[in-house]
Amino acid sequence: MLISAKGRYALRCMLDISLNSAGENVKLKDIAERQDIPTKYLEQIISALNKAGFVKSERGPNGGYRLSRPPEEYTVGSIIKLIEGDTVPVSCLADVSDCKRSDRCVSMILWKKLNDAVNSVLEGTTLADMMDWGSKGRLIEIGIPDY
């Protein structure tokens, strides 16, 4: 499974709104600047998030976007799957009935375990977890340079 730029940007957008809303709307141009995402591309992403009910939009001078629910209620998996669709590592796992070898394919066990592990991480991690990681400097702790 390769998460596209669109999926990564959607997660960054949701995280940015979580971190910067403080009860107020967050402007799209501010998200784009902070996250270094082209505004036109971010407009497509926020539209999908809005249609799915992940964010609420408001027009006007104090307009912008805010989360529809608390950050604890959004899993990373729900955001990625909304934008990316299926997250299976191999196509034959998406529809086993299409695979002529599924009844005798030992590799299927590996792909299923990999899929379960990835989904466990994606569904077991919330926006609130990521907010907490950032506030505790976890990037350095796990060996990722703090930019």
Protein backbone atom coordinates (compact mmCIF):
# COMPACT_ATOMS: atom_id res chain seq x y z
CA MET A 1 0.00 0.00 0.00
CA LEU A 2 1.37 3.35 -1.00
CA ILE A 3 -0.40 6.35 0.50
CA SER A 4 -0.55 9.12 -2.08
CA ALA A 5 0.23 12.77 -1.55
CA LYS A 6 -3.52 13.40 -1.46
CA GLY A 7 -3.93 10.98 1.47
CA ARG A 8 -0.97 12.44 3.34
CA TYR A 9 -2.21 15.99 2.73
CA ALA A 10 -5.71 15.07 3.96
CA LEU A 11 -4.23 13.79 7.21
CA ARG A 12 -2.06 16.90 7.58
CA CYS A 13 -5.10 19.10 6.89
CA MET A 14 -7.20 17.37 9.55
CA LEU A 15 -4.32 17.53 12.03
CA ASP A 16 -3.77 21.23 11.27
CA ILE A 17 -7.44 21.99 11.90
CA SER A 18 -7.26 20.00 15.16
CA LEU A 19 -4.23 21.93 16.34
CA ASN A 20 -5.28 25.41 15.24
CA SER A 21 -9.03 25.68 15.68
CA ALA A 22 -9.32 26.49 19.43
CA GLY A 23 -13.08 26.73 18.94
CA GLU A 24 -12.79 28.94 15.85
CA ASN A 25 -12.77 28.25 12.14
CA VAL A 26 -9.47 27.68 10.38
CA LYS A 27 -8.96 29.37 7.03
CA LEU A 28 -7.96 27.22 4.07
CA LYS A 29 -5.18 29.60 3.03
CA ASP A 30 -3.67 29.36 6.53
CA ILE A 31 -3.70 25.55 6.39
CA ALA A 32 -2.11 25.67 2.93
CA GLU A 33 0.65 27.98 4.14
CA ARG A 34 1.43 26.07 7.33
CA GLN A 35 1.36 22.68 5.64
CA ASP A 36 3.00 23.74 2.37
CA ILE A 37 0.12 22.35 0.30
CA PRO A 38 -1.01 24.08 -2.92
CA THR A 39 -4.33 25.83 -2.19
CA LYS A 40 -6.05 24.45 -5.31
CA TYR A 41 -5.10 20.89 -4.33
CA LEU A 42 -6.20 21.50 -0.74
CA GLU A 43 -9.58 22.74 -2.01
CA GLN A 44 -10.21 19.31 -3.60
CA ILE A 45 -9.22 17.53 -0.41
CA ILE A 46 -11.29 19.72 1.90
CA SER A 47 -14.28 19.27 -0.41
CA ALA A 48 -14.09 15.49 0.06
CA LEU A 49 -13.66 15.89 3.82
CA ASN A 50 -16.63 18.27 3.93
CA LYS A 51 -18.89 15.98 1.85
CA ALA A 52 -18.06 13.07 4.15
CA GLY A 53 -18.97 15.16 7.20
CA PHE A 54 -15.44 15.13 8.64
CA VAL A 55 -15.31 18.93 8.67
CA LYS A 56 -17.87 21.73 8.75
CA SER A 57 -17.49 24.83 6.66
CA GLU A 58 -18.65 28.34 7.30
CA ARG A 59 -18.61 31.27 4.90
CA GLY A 60 -17.98 34.89 5.65
CA PRO A 61 -15.28 36.98 7.29
CA ASN A 62 -14.93 34.54 10.18
CA GLY A 63 -15.42 31.55 7.91
CA GLY A 64 -13.25 28.55 7.43
CA TYR A 65 -13.25 24.95 8.57
CA ARG A 66 -13.50 23.06 11.82
CA LEU A 67 -13.80 19.43 12.77
CA SER A 68 -17.31 18.02 13.00
CA ARG A 69 -16.34 15.84 15.96
CA PRO A 70 -13.60 15.81 18.60
CA PRO A 71 -10.12 14.66 17.42
CA GLU A 72 -10.46 11.49 19.52
CA GLU A 73 -13.25 10.33 17.21
CA TYR A 74 -11.21 10.41 13.98
CA THR A 75 -8.94 7.49 13.25
CA VAL A 76 -6.09 7.93 10.82
CA GLY A 77 -7.57 4.94 8.98
CA SER A 78 -10.93 6.66 8.46
CA ILE A 79 -9.21 9.70 6.93
CA ILE A 80 -6.86 7.71 4.71
CA LYS A 81 -9.61 5.33 3.55
CA LEU A 82 -11.91 8.23 2.71
CA ILE A 83 -9.31 9.73 0.39
CA GLU A 84 -7.48 6.61 -0.83
CA GLY A 85 -10.25 4.04 -0.88
CA ASP A 86 -9.05 0.51 -0.15
CA THR A 87 -5.77 0.16 1.74
CA VAL A 88 -4.98 -3.48 0.96
CA PRO A 89 -1.31 -4.18 0.13
CA VAL A 90 -2.12 -6.41 -2.88
CA SER A 91 -5.08 -6.33 -5.25
CA CYS A 92 -5.92 -10.02 -4.83
CA LEU A 93 -6.71 -9.36 -1.17
CA ALA A 94 -9.29 -6.74 -2.11
CA ASP A 95 -11.43 -9.35 -3.86
CA VAL A 96 -10.36 -12.89 -3.09
CA SER A 97 -13.12 -14.27 -5.32
CA ASP A 98 -11.24 -12.87 -8.35
CA CYS A 99 -8.09 -14.81 -7.44
CA LYS A 100 -7.89 -18.26 -9.03
CA ARG A 101 -5.11 -19.25 -6.62
CA SER A 102 -6.60 -18.05 -3.33
CA ASP A 103 -7.44 -21.56 -2.12
CA ARG A 104 -3.80 -22.68 -2.43
CA CYS A 105 -1.81 -19.44 -2.19
CA VAL A 106 0.51 -19.47 0.80
CA SER A 107 1.41 -15.83 0.09
CA MET A 108 -2.17 -14.88 0.89
CA ILE A 109 -1.42 -15.58 4.57
CA LEU A 110 1.43 -13.05 4.48
CA TRP A 111 -0.67 -10.41 2.69
CA LYS A 112 -3.52 -10.89 5.16
CA LYS A 113 -1.14 -10.51 8.14
CA LEU A 114 0.39 -7.39 6.58
CA ASN A 115 -3.05 -5.93 5.90
CA ASP A 116 -4.18 -6.65 9.47
CA ALA A 117 -1.03 -5.03 10.91
CA VAL A 118 -1.39 -1.89 8.79
CA ASN A 119 -5.08 -1.56 9.60
CA SER A 120 -4.39 -2.08 13.28
CA VAL A 121 -2.04 0.92 13.26
CA LEU A 122 -4.28 3.10 11.08
CA GLU A 123 -7.47 2.32 13.01
CA GLY A 124 -5.73 2.36 16.39
CA THR A 125 -4.35 5.88 15.94
CA THR A 126 -6.51 8.99 16.30
CA LEU A 127 -5.93 12.64 15.53
CA ALA A 128 -5.77 13.16 19.29
CA ASP A 129 -2.91 10.65 19.50
CA MET A 130 -1.01 12.54 16.81
CA MET A 131 -1.65 15.84 18.57
CA ASP A 132 -0.26 14.30 21.74
CA TRP A 133 2.83 12.99 19.93
CA GLY A 134 3.56 16.46 18.57
CA SER A 135 3.18 18.11 21.97
CA LYS A 136 5.59 15.65 23.56
CA GLY A 137 8.32 15.90 20.90
CA ARG A 138 7.79 12.27 19.86
CA LEU A 139 9.38 12.88 16.44
CA ILE A 140 12.82 13.03 18.00
CA GLU A 141 12.03 10.17 20.38
CA ILE A 142 11.28 7.72 17.55
CA GLY A 143 14.22 8.81 15.43
CA ILE A 144 12.49 11.16 13.02
CA PRO A 145 14.28 14.50 12.74
CA ASP A 146 12.30 17.44 14.07
CA TYR A 147 12.08 19.91 11.20
